[in-house]
């Protein structure tokens, strides 16, 4: 059974950086659309960034484009989210999600993803 475990969340000041990690087990990255969602209190879960190794494609929400970078280390079966220039509005619980098919239409919909991690909290505050 595929399993995802996130880590790296923390309290950081505005303008700071964090790197989130998602360790995957039970499946191989290359055939999955895998990425990050986030959910702030009282808000819907929203897609942040996704990657599909099969086509070397990356996808970013407009709100994080130019600040966040998604990457993967296949040897370690780990997904990363490098977050720079963090803003208070980036505060949320961040979730890793995976789906065993290419990243195509509908990647931003949480219901598309079969496997989820437990989440890691990111708080941006001075």
Protein backbone atom coordinates (compact mmCIF):
# COMPACT_ATOMS: atom_id res chain seq x y z
CA UNK A 1 0.00 0.00 0.00
CA UNK A 2 1.48 3.38 -1.00
CA UNK A 3 2.38 5.64 1.89
CA UNK A 4 3.40 9.31 2.04
CA UNK A 5 5.06 11.00 5.02
CA UNK A 6 5.66 14.77 5.03
CA UNK A 7 8.19 16.67 7.10
CA UNK A 8 9.87 20.06 7.25
CA UNK A 9 7.05 22.31 8.37
CA UNK A 10 7.97 25.05 10.85
CA UNK A 11 7.40 28.60 12.03
CA UNK A 12 9.26 31.06 9.79
CA UNK A 13 9.35 34.83 9.44
CA UNK A 14 7.97 36.57 6.34
CA UNK A 15 10.57 36.52 3.58
CA UNK A 16 12.10 33.33 4.91
CA UNK A 17 12.50 29.90 3.33
CA UNK A 18 11.55 26.32 4.11
CA UNK A 19 11.94 23.00 2.33
CA UNK A 20 9.23 20.41 2.76
CA UNK A 21 9.91 16.73 2.14
CA UNK A 22 7.56 13.87 1.30
CA UNK A 23 8.96 10.36 1.66
CA UNK A 24 7.07 7.86 -0.47
CA UNK A 25 6.98 4.11 -0.03
CA UNK A 26 5.11 1.32 -1.75
CA UNK A 27 5.18 2.81 -5.25
CA UNK A 28 7.49 4.31 -7.88
CA UNK A 29 7.37 8.04 -8.60
CA UNK A 30 7.87 7.78 -12.32
CA UNK A 31 4.33 6.66 -13.15
CA UNK A 32 2.53 8.95 -10.70
CA UNK A 33 1.30 12.51 -10.73
CA UNK A 34 2.55 13.72 -7.35
CA UNK A 35 2.47 17.07 -5.66
CA UNK A 36 1.48 19.38 -2.84
CA UNK A 37 -1.78 20.79 -1.56
CA UNK A 38 -2.31 23.16 1.33
CA UNK A 39 -5.23 24.02 3.56
CA UNK A 40 -5.59 26.99 5.86
CA UNK A 41 -8.20 27.09 8.66
CA UNK A 42 -11.64 27.79 7.26
CA UNK A 43 -10.49 27.47 3.65
CA UNK A 44 -10.69 24.79 1.01
CA UNK A 45 -7.73 22.59 0.20
CA UNK A 46 -5.86 24.10 -2.75
CA UNK A 47 -3.25 22.74 -5.12
CA UNK A 48 0.21 24.27 -4.86
CA UNK A 49 2.56 22.40 -7.21
CA UNK A 50 2.69 19.10 -9.09
CA UNK A 51 5.24 17.09 -11.00
CA UNK A 52 5.15 14.15 -13.41
CA UNK A 53 8.44 12.56 -14.23
CA UNK A 54 7.12 10.84 -17.35
CA UNK A 55 7.02 14.13 -19.26
CA UNK A 56 9.33 16.19 -16.99
CA UNK A 57 6.38 18.49 -16.38
CA UNK A 58 5.90 20.84 -13.45
CA UNK A 59 2.79 22.81 -12.56
CA UNK A 60 2.45 25.71 -10.12
CA UNK A 61 -0.41 27.71 -8.69
CA UNK A 62 -0.20 31.37 -9.68
CA UNK A 63 0.09 32.34 -6.02
CA UNK A 64 3.42 30.50 -5.63
CA UNK A 65 4.92 30.76 -9.11
CA UNK A 66 8.45 32.14 -8.94
CA UNK A 67 8.72 31.50 -5.19
CA UNK A 68 8.19 27.74 -4.81
CA UNK A 69 9.98 24.92 -6.61
CA UNK A 70 8.90 21.29 -6.71
CA UNK A 71 11.46 18.55 -7.25
CA UNK A 72 11.97 14.86 -6.67
CA UNK A 73 14.86 12.57 -5.83
CA UNK A 74 14.04 9.20 -7.35
CA UNK A 75 16.92 7.45 -5.61
CA UNK A 76 15.46 8.50 -2.24
CA UNK A 77 11.83 8.27 -3.41
CA UNK A 78 11.34 11.71 -1.94
CA UNK A 79 9.40 14.72 -3.16
CA UNK A 80 10.44 18.23 -2.14
CA UNK A 81 8.88 21.67 -2.07
CA UNK A 82 11.38 24.50 -1.76
CA UNK A 83 9.53 27.58 -0.54
CA UNK A 84 11.24 30.98 -0.74
CA UNK A 85 10.03 34.52 -0.03
CA UNK A 86 7.35 33.15 2.24
CA UNK A 87 4.33 35.30 3.02
CA UNK A 88 1.82 35.16 5.88
CA UNK A 89 -0.80 33.97 3.38
CA UNK A 90 1.31 30.84 2.80
CA UNK A 91 0.42 29.73 6.32
CA UNK A 92 -1.37 26.38 6.05
CA UNK A 93 -1.05 22.67 6.57
CA UNK A 94 0.76 21.23 3.55
CA UNK A 95 -0.13 17.80 2.22
CA UNK A 96 1.65 15.52 -0.21
CA UNK A 97 -0.66 13.69 -2.64
CA UNK A 98 -0.17 11.08 -5.37
CA UNK A 99 -2.24 9.57 -8.16
CA UNK A 100 -1.13 6.64 -10.39
CA UNK A 101 -1.55 8.38 -13.75
CA UNK A 102 -0.01 11.34 -15.62
CA UNK A 103 -0.64 14.92 -14.57
CA UNK A 104 -3.33 15.93 -17.04
CA UNK A 105 -6.59 17.88 -16.86
CA UNK A 106 -7.96 18.24 -13.35
CA UNK A 107 -4.71 18.05 -11.41
CA UNK A 108 -5.83 20.85 -9.10
CA UNK A 109 -8.80 18.88 -7.76
CA UNK A 110 -8.08 17.12 -4.44
CA UNK A 111 -10.60 14.37 -5.20
CA UNK A 112 -8.38 13.26 -8.08
CA UNK A 113 -5.68 11.98 -5.72
CA UNK A 114 -5.84 8.54 -4.20
CA UNK A 115 -2.97 8.72 -1.72
CA UNK A 116 -2.33 11.40 0.90
CA UNK A 117 0.13 12.13 3.65
CA UNK A 118 -0.81 13.33 7.13
CA UNK A 119 0.35 16.91 6.49
CA UNK A 120 2.97 19.24 7.94
CA UNK A 121 2.24 22.70 9.36
CA UNK A 122 3.84 25.82 7.89
CA UNK A 123 3.34 29.08 9.77
CA UNK A 124 4.66 32.36 8.40
CA UNK A 125 4.59 35.05 11.05
CA UNK A 126 6.80 37.69 12.64
